[in-house]
Amino acid sequence: MKVLYIGGTGTISSAAVAESVRQGQDVHVLNRGRTAGRRPLPAGVTTIEADVQDPESVRRALDGTTFDSVVNFLSFGAEDAAAAVELLEGRTGQYVHISSASVYHKPVRQVPFVESTTRRNPYLGYAREKIAAEDVLHRAYEERDFPVTIVRPSHTYDDAHPPLPGDWTAWDRIARGDELVVPGDGTSLWTLTHARDFAVGLVGLIGNWQALGEDFHITSNEALTWEEIYEIIGRTAGTPARLLHLPAELIRVVAPDWFWSDLIVGDLMHSAVFDNTKIKRFVPAFQPTITWSVGARRLQEWRTAHPGEARPDAETDAVLGRLVEGYRAAAAALAP
């Protein structure tokens, strides 16, 4: 099985590449060839250097090549999807488009999410772009028999990348006993998926010809409240989490320039619970095993082994501190 990954050194894609190699696939990775902040590729992977923002460079790099499957982690909107169809039609037996579970209807009307759940997210531009890309690919499948499979990850992490607004800085605030703001009342349900579990589901779809024309989300079966997610970090770090509750909309007011603000309002503040029946039917080997309690311990072990790479970021810490101040100001204003 000859597979091309577009991307391949990020949090999710590096785990998928490693799983493909483990399963004996002939793995090729196309990216810009930059290594700063990226995860190393396993031995035996063939690298192809090109910039996906320069379609002509990608066309030249792939000239004369064909693949059984192409998995694209670097396609976002309708324009990217249309360009992929034009570039890869006739070059691959399967095109796996990495979308996002953030496309499912917000506000949430019913859980668990299934693949046929209505797609609508008026709060998050990223999700709207992913919906537009899916629409292009669905039409290409229906009108041109373009062999697409759509995959929707949810909140996926690995041992080096905590799934928290604020990343290692938020983890560090808990570990050192500082207060941390939680959106809303902390009781909305959320699903965290380890990249190693996700990779088993994704790679099981590669070359799975029954998956052409189909959509899948691939997530953990575990749903926790945000309160529980942070409390598990506190227990893992040996310091009880000191949590404050601030309305999600107020977070965007207090920190409008913070990367995570829109994601909180457009995704993280809503409950996200998934029915994984479909991916398990197509990929029987997909059985998530890494619970958040286990994942948090793995993150703590990585943090201990890589202190230089898990340091808090001063700018992010200032934002998180500003949110705590916002909580205090709101509480004082509401006090009798």
Protein backbone atom coordinates (compact mmCIF):
# COMPACT_ATOMS: atom_id res chain seq x y z
CA MET A 1 0.00 0.00 0.00
CA LYS A 2 1.65 3.22 -1.20
CA VAL A 3 0.37 6.20 0.80
CA LEU A 4 1.21 9.90 0.64
CA TYR A 5 0.71 12.14 3.66
CA ILE A 6 0.45 15.85 2.95
CA GLY A 7 1.71 17.12 6.28
CA GLY A 8 3.00 14.41 8.55
CA THR A 9 4.95 15.99 11.38
CA GLY A 10 2.16 17.54 13.45
CA THR A 11 0.42 16.30 16.59
CA ILE A 12 -2.07 14.07 14.78
CA SER A 13 -0.35 13.42 11.47
CA SER A 14 2.93 12.21 12.99
CA ALA A 15 1.05 9.52 14.92
CA ALA A 16 -0.72 8.44 11.72
CA VAL A 17 2.57 8.27 9.81
CA ALA A 18 4.09 6.13 12.57
CA GLU A 19 1.09 3.78 12.52
CA SER A 20 1.29 3.46 8.73
CA VAL A 21 4.96 2.54 9.01
CA ARG A 22 4.17 0.05 11.77
CA GLN A 23 1.61 -1.60 9.50
CA GLY A 24 4.18 -1.96 6.72
CA GLN A 25 2.82 0.62 4.30
CA ASP A 26 5.06 2.38 1.77
CA VAL A 27 4.87 5.85 3.34
CA HIS A 28 5.69 9.15 1.61
CA VAL A 29 5.40 12.55 3.31
CA LEU A 30 5.08 15.87 1.49
CA ASN A 31 5.82 19.07 3.38
CA ARG A 32 8.08 22.11 3.28
CA GLY A 33 10.96 20.24 4.85
CA ARG A 34 11.18 22.50 7.90
CA THR A 35 11.92 20.74 11.17
CA ALA A 36 11.57 23.48 13.80
CA GLY A 37 8.82 22.49 16.24
CA ARG A 38 7.96 19.39 14.20
CA ARG A 39 8.14 15.76 15.16
CA PRO A 40 10.76 13.60 13.44
CA LEU A 41 9.68 11.13 10.77
CA PRO A 42 10.24 7.39 11.34
CA ALA A 43 12.95 5.56 9.46
CA GLY A 44 11.89 4.32 6.05
CA VAL A 45 9.64 7.27 5.18
CA THR A 46 10.23 8.90 1.80
CA THR A 47 10.12 12.69 1.98
CA ILE A 48 8.91 14.97 -0.80
CA GLU A 49 9.62 18.68 -0.41
CA ALA A 50 7.03 21.18 -1.64
CA ASP A 51 4.93 24.04 -0.30
CA VAL A 52 1.18 23.39 -0.29
CA GLN A 53 0.66 27.16 -0.54
CA ASP A 54 2.38 26.97 -3.95
CA PRO A 55 0.27 24.55 -6.03
CA GLU A 56 2.78 24.58 -8.88
CA SER A 57 5.57 23.38 -6.58
CA VAL A 58 3.34 20.52 -5.42
CA ARG A 59 2.45 19.65 -9.00
CA ARG A 60 6.13 19.50 -9.95
CA ALA A 61 6.99 17.42 -6.87
CA LEU A 62 4.30 14.86 -7.67
CA ASP A 63 4.84 14.78 -11.42
CA GLY A 64 4.77 11.20 -12.66
CA THR A 65 3.78 9.72 -9.30
CA THR A 66 0.67 7.80 -8.26
CA PHE A 67 -0.50 6.57 -4.86
CA ASP A 68 -3.00 4.09 -3.54
CA SER A 69 -4.06 6.69 -0.99
CA VAL A 70 -3.35 10.35 -0.26
CA VAL A 71 -4.08 11.72 3.23
CA ASN A 72 -4.22 15.52 3.40
CA PHE A 73 -3.84 17.23 6.78
CA LEU A 74 -3.21 20.65 5.20
CA SER A 75 -6.47 21.38 3.40
CA PHE A 76 -8.84 23.84 5.05
CA GLY A 77 -11.33 25.67 2.82
CA ALA A 78 -13.22 25.24 -0.44
CA GLU A 79 -10.35 26.57 -2.54
CA ASP A 80 -7.90 24.05 -1.05
CA ALA A 81 -10.38 21.21 -1.62
CA ALA A 82 -10.99 22.17 -5.26
CA ALA A 83 -7.23 22.39 -5.86
CA ALA A 84 -6.75 18.92 -4.38
CA VAL A 85 -9.37 17.46 -6.72
CA GLU A 86 -7.69 19.00 -9.76
CA LEU A 87 -4.23 17.92 -8.66
CA LEU A 88 -4.98 14.37 -7.53
CA GLU A 89 -7.74 13.18 -9.85
CA GLY A 90 -6.30 10.16 -11.62
CA ARG A 91 -3.23 10.07 -9.33
CA THR A 92 -4.75 8.23 -6.36
CA GLY A 93 -7.25 5.50 -5.63
CA GLN A 94 -8.37 7.28 -2.45
CA TYR A 95 -8.19 10.82 -1.12
CA VAL A 96 -8.56 11.12 2.67
CA HIS A 97 -9.51 14.65 3.63
CA ILE A 98 -8.90 15.61 7.26
CA SER A 99 -11.81 17.79 8.31
CA SER A 100 -12.93 18.56 11.87
CA ALA A 101 -15.64 17.51 14.30
CA SER A 102 -16.17 21.22 14.99
CA VAL A 103 -18.45 21.18 11.92
CA TYR A 104 -21.30 19.57 13.89
CA HIS A 105 -24.26 21.76 14.74
CA LYS A 106 -23.68 24.50 17.31
CA PRO A 107 -25.49 25.10 19.57
CA VAL A 108 -25.69 21.36 20.19
CA ARG A 109 -29.21 20.05 19.70
CA GLN A 110 -28.66 16.36 20.35
CA VAL A 111 -25.89 14.04 21.54
CA PRO A 112 -24.14 11.85 20.76
CA PHE A 113 -22.97 13.16 17.43
CA VAL A 114 -23.22 10.75 14.51
CA GLU A 115 -21.77 11.32 11.06
CA SER A 116 -25.17 12.44 9.71
CA THR A 117 -25.58 15.11 12.42
CA THR A 118 -26.34 18.47 10.79
CA ARG A 119 -23.24 20.56 10.06
CA ARG A 120 -23.51 24.18 11.15
CA ASN A 121 -21.26 26.41 13.24
CA PRO A 122 -22.03 30.14 13.09
CA TYR A 123 -19.45 30.92 15.79
CA LEU A 124 -16.23 29.53 14.33
CA GLY A 125 -14.80 30.49 10.95
CA TYR A 126 -12.50 27.47 10.92
CA ALA A 127 -15.50 25.14 11.12
CA ARG A 128 -17.31 26.99 8.33
CA GLU A 129 -14.24 26.63 6.12
CA LYS A 130 -14.12 22.91 6.82
CA ILE A 131 -17.82 22.57 5.95
CA ALA A 132 -17.21 24.38 2.65
CA ALA A 133 -14.31 22.05 1.87
CA GLU A 134 -16.45 18.99 2.60
CA ASP A 135 -19.16 20.32 0.27
CA VAL A 136 -16.67 20.63 -2.60
CA LEU A 137 -15.45 17.08 -2.05
CA HIS A 138 -18.93 15.61 -1.73
CA ARG A 139 -19.82 17.17 -5.09
CA ALA A 140 -16.61 15.86 -6.64
CA TYR A 141 -17.48 12.35 -5.48
CA GLU A 142 -21.06 12.57 -6.72
CA GLU A 143 -20.33 14.29 -10.04
CA ARG A 144 -16.83 13.06 -10.95
CA ASP A 145 -16.44 9.86 -8.90
CA PHE A 146 -13.51 11.46 -7.08
CA PRO A 147 -12.54 8.82 -4.48
CA VAL A 148 -12.84 10.85 -1.28
CA THR A 149 -13.09 9.72 2.33
CA ILE A 150 -13.71 12.45 4.92
CA VAL A 151 -12.32 12.13 8.45
CA ARG A 152 -13.33 14.42 11.32
CA PRO A 153 -10.95 14.41 14.32
CA SER A 154 -12.14 16.05 17.49
CA HIS A 155 -9.81 17.39 20.21
CA THR A 156 -6.74 15.20 19.69
CA TYR A 157 -3.48 15.41 21.64
CA ASP A 158 -0.24 13.49 22.12
CA ASP A 159 2.29 13.13 24.91
CA ALA A 160 4.01 16.41 24.00
CA HIS A 161 0.94 18.57 23.43
CA PRO A 162 -1.66 18.96 26.20
CA PRO A 163 -5.22 19.52 24.95
CA LEU A 164 -5.83 22.68 26.96
CA PRO A 165 -6.58 26.32 26.19
CA GLY A 166 -3.12 27.69 26.93
CA ASP A 167 -1.27 24.40 26.36
CA TRP A 168 1.62 23.81 28.81
CA THR A 169 1.08 27.23 30.37
CA ALA A 170 -2.35 26.18 31.65
CA TRP A 171 -0.88 22.91 32.92
CA ASP A 172 1.89 24.84 34.68
CA ARG A 173 -0.59 27.17 36.40
CA ILE A 174 -2.36 24.15 37.89
CA ALA A 175 0.92 22.51 38.90
CA ARG A 176 2.16 25.61 40.71
CA GLY A 177 -1.17 26.21 42.44
CA ASP A 178 -2.29 29.30 40.52
CA GLU A 179 -5.93 29.87 39.70
CA LEU A 180 -7.23 29.00 36.23
CA VAL A 181 -10.44 30.09 34.54
CA VAL A 182 -12.79 27.41 33.18
CA PRO A 183 -15.40 28.42 30.56
CA GLY A 184 -18.96 28.35 31.83
CA ASP A 185 -19.79 26.23 34.87
CA GLY A 186 -17.35 23.46 33.87
CA THR A 187 -20.06 20.83 33.43
CA SER A 188 -20.27 20.63 29.63
CA LEU A 189 -19.06 17.25 28.36
CA TRP A 190 -15.93 17.06 26.23
CA THR A 191 -14.06 14.31 24.42
CA LEU A 192 -10.26 14.11 24.38
CA THR A 193 -8.58 11.64 22.04
CA HIS A 194 -4.95 10.52 22.13
CA ALA A 195 -3.29 10.69 18.71
CA ARG A 196 -2.11 7.09 18.98
CA ASP A 197 -5.71 5.88 19.27
CA PHE A 198 -6.85 8.16 16.47
CA ALA A 199 -4.11 6.84 14.19
CA VAL A 200 -5.42 3.27 14.40
CA GLY A 201 -8.79 4.39 13.06
CA LEU A 202 -7.35 6.61 10.34
CA VAL A 203 -4.83 4.10 9.03
CA GLY A 204 -7.53 1.42 9.06
CA LEU A 205 -9.40 3.51 6.47
CA ILE A 206 -6.40 3.72 4.13
CA GLY A 207 -7.03 1.38 1.23
CA ASN A 208 -10.43 0.48 2.68
CA TRP A 209 -12.35 0.87 -0.55
CA GLN A 210 -15.73 0.55 1.14
CA ALA A 211 -14.93 3.88 2.80
CA LEU A 212 -15.00 5.85 -0.47
CA GLY A 213 -17.72 8.49 -0.38
CA GLU A 214 -18.10 8.10 3.39
CA ASP A 215 -17.61 10.46 6.36
CA PHE A 216 -16.17 9.38 9.72
CA HIS A 217 -15.34 10.92 13.04
CA ILE A 218 -12.64 9.16 15.02
CA THR A 219 -12.62 9.93 18.74
CA SER A 220 -12.28 8.46 22.18
CA ASN A 221 -15.33 6.86 23.76
CA GLU A 222 -14.73 8.79 26.99
CA ALA A 223 -16.61 12.02 27.73
CA LEU A 224 -15.61 14.14 30.74
CA THR A 225 -16.65 17.52 32.06
CA TRP A 226 -14.05 20.29 31.81
CA GLU A 227 -14.06 20.34 35.60
CA GLU A 228 -13.01 16.67 35.61
CA ILE A 229 -10.39 17.24 32.90
CA TYR A 230 -8.65 19.91 34.98
CA GLU A 231 -9.08 18.05 38.26
CA ILE A 232 -7.32 15.01 36.76
CA ILE A 233 -4.40 17.27 35.83
CA GLY A 234 -4.29 18.50 39.41
CA ARG A 235 -4.21 14.97 40.79
CA THR A 236 -1.54 13.99 38.27
CA ALA A 237 0.60 17.03 39.10
CA GLY A 238 0.09 16.57 42.83
CA THR A 239 -1.57 19.97 43.29
CA PRO A 240 -5.36 20.37 43.51
CA ALA A 241 -6.67 22.44 40.61
CA ARG A 242 -7.92 25.89 41.68
CA LEU A 243 -10.67 26.61 39.17
CA LEU A 244 -12.76 29.71 38.55
CA HIS A 245 -15.81 29.84 36.28
CA LEU A 246 -16.20 32.63 33.75
CA PRO A 247 -18.86 32.83 31.00
CA ALA A 248 -17.32 31.82 27.69
CA GLU A 249 -18.55 34.97 25.95
CA LEU A 250 -16.82 37.08 28.60
CA ILE A 251 -13.54 35.28 27.92
CA ARG A 252 -13.64 36.65 24.37
CA VAL A 253 -14.32 40.14 25.76
CA VAL A 254 -11.45 39.98 28.25
CA ALA A 255 -9.00 38.33 25.82
CA PRO A 256 -10.21 39.13 22.28
CA ASP A 257 -6.76 38.68 20.74
CA TRP A 258 -6.12 35.26 22.33
CA PHE A 259 -6.02 32.38 19.84
CA TRP A 260 -8.19 30.17 22.05
CA SER A 261 -11.02 32.68 22.60
CA ASP A 262 -12.86 31.92 19.37
CA LEU A 263 -12.29 28.18 19.81
CA ILE A 264 -13.83 28.29 23.29
CA VAL A 265 -16.95 30.11 22.10
CA GLY A 266 -17.23 28.21 18.82
CA ASP A 267 -16.40 24.72 20.05
CA LEU A 268 -15.05 24.00 23.53
CA MET A 269 -17.94 25.51 25.51
CA HIS A 270 -20.39 23.11 23.84
CA SER A 271 -20.79 19.46 24.80
CA ALA A 272 -19.10 17.06 22.37
CA VAL A 273 -20.02 13.40 22.74
CA PHE A 274 -19.56 10.98 19.83
CA ASP A 275 -21.03 7.71 18.66
CA ASN A 276 -18.12 5.76 17.14
CA THR A 277 -20.22 2.88 15.82
CA LYS A 278 -19.44 3.67 12.20
CA ILE A 279 -15.64 3.80 12.41
CA LYS A 280 -15.65 0.60 14.50
CA ARG A 281 -17.73 -1.12 11.82
CA PHE A 282 -15.30 -0.14 9.06
CA VAL A 283 -12.15 -0.57 11.19
CA PRO A 284 -12.70 -3.32 13.78
CA ALA A 285 -9.19 -2.75 15.17
CA PHE A 286 -10.22 0.73 16.36
CA GLN A 287 -10.69 0.36 20.11
CA PRO A 288 -9.46 3.46 21.99
CA THR A 289 -7.43 2.47 25.04
CA ILE A 290 -5.87 5.71 26.34
CA THR A 291 -8.22 7.32 28.85
CA TRP A 292 -7.60 10.89 29.97
CA SER A 293 -6.28 9.66 33.32
CA VAL A 294 -3.66 7.62 31.44
CA GLY A 295 -3.05 10.42 28.93
CA ALA A 296 -2.48 12.95 31.71
CA ARG A 297 0.15 10.69 33.28
CA ARG A 298 1.87 10.32 29.92
CA LEU A 299 1.90 14.11 29.53
CA GLN A 300 3.32 14.52 33.03
CA GLU A 301 6.08 12.03 32.26
CA TRP A 302 6.92 13.87 29.02
CA ARG A 303 6.95 17.20 30.86
CA THR A 304 9.36 15.84 33.45
CA ALA A 305 11.65 14.43 30.75
CA HIS A 306 11.57 17.59 28.58
CA PRO A 307 11.50 20.58 30.96
CA GLY A 308 12.91 22.93 28.35
CA GLU A 309 10.12 22.18 25.90
CA ALA A 310 7.26 22.32 28.41
CA ARG A 311 7.96 25.73 29.90
CA PRO A 312 5.10 28.19 30.35
CA ASP A 313 4.87 31.01 27.84
CA ALA A 314 4.98 34.44 29.49
CA GLU A 315 2.52 36.01 27.05
CA THR A 316 -0.01 33.19 27.44
CA ASP A 317 0.45 33.26 31.22
CA ALA A 318 -0.39 36.97 31.17
CA VAL A 319 -3.59 36.24 29.22
CA LEU A 320 -4.61 33.51 31.66
CA GLY A 321 -3.83 35.85 34.55
CA ARG A 322 -5.95 38.55 32.92
CA LEU A 323 -8.86 36.11 32.74
CA VAL A 324 -8.53 35.46 36.48
CA GLU A 325 -8.61 39.23 37.05
CA GLY A 326 -11.70 39.40 34.81
CA TYR A 327 -13.37 36.80 36.98
CA ARG A 328 -12.54 38.78 40.12
CA ALA A 329 -13.87 41.99 38.59
CA ALA A 330 -17.10 40.31 37.44
CA ALA A 331 -17.61 38.71 40.87
CA ALA A 332 -17.06 42.05 42.61
CA ALA A 333 -19.53 43.79 40.29
CA LEU A 334 -22.20 41.20 41.07
CA ALA A 335 -21.61 41.19 44.82
CA PRO A 336 -24.48 42.66 46.90
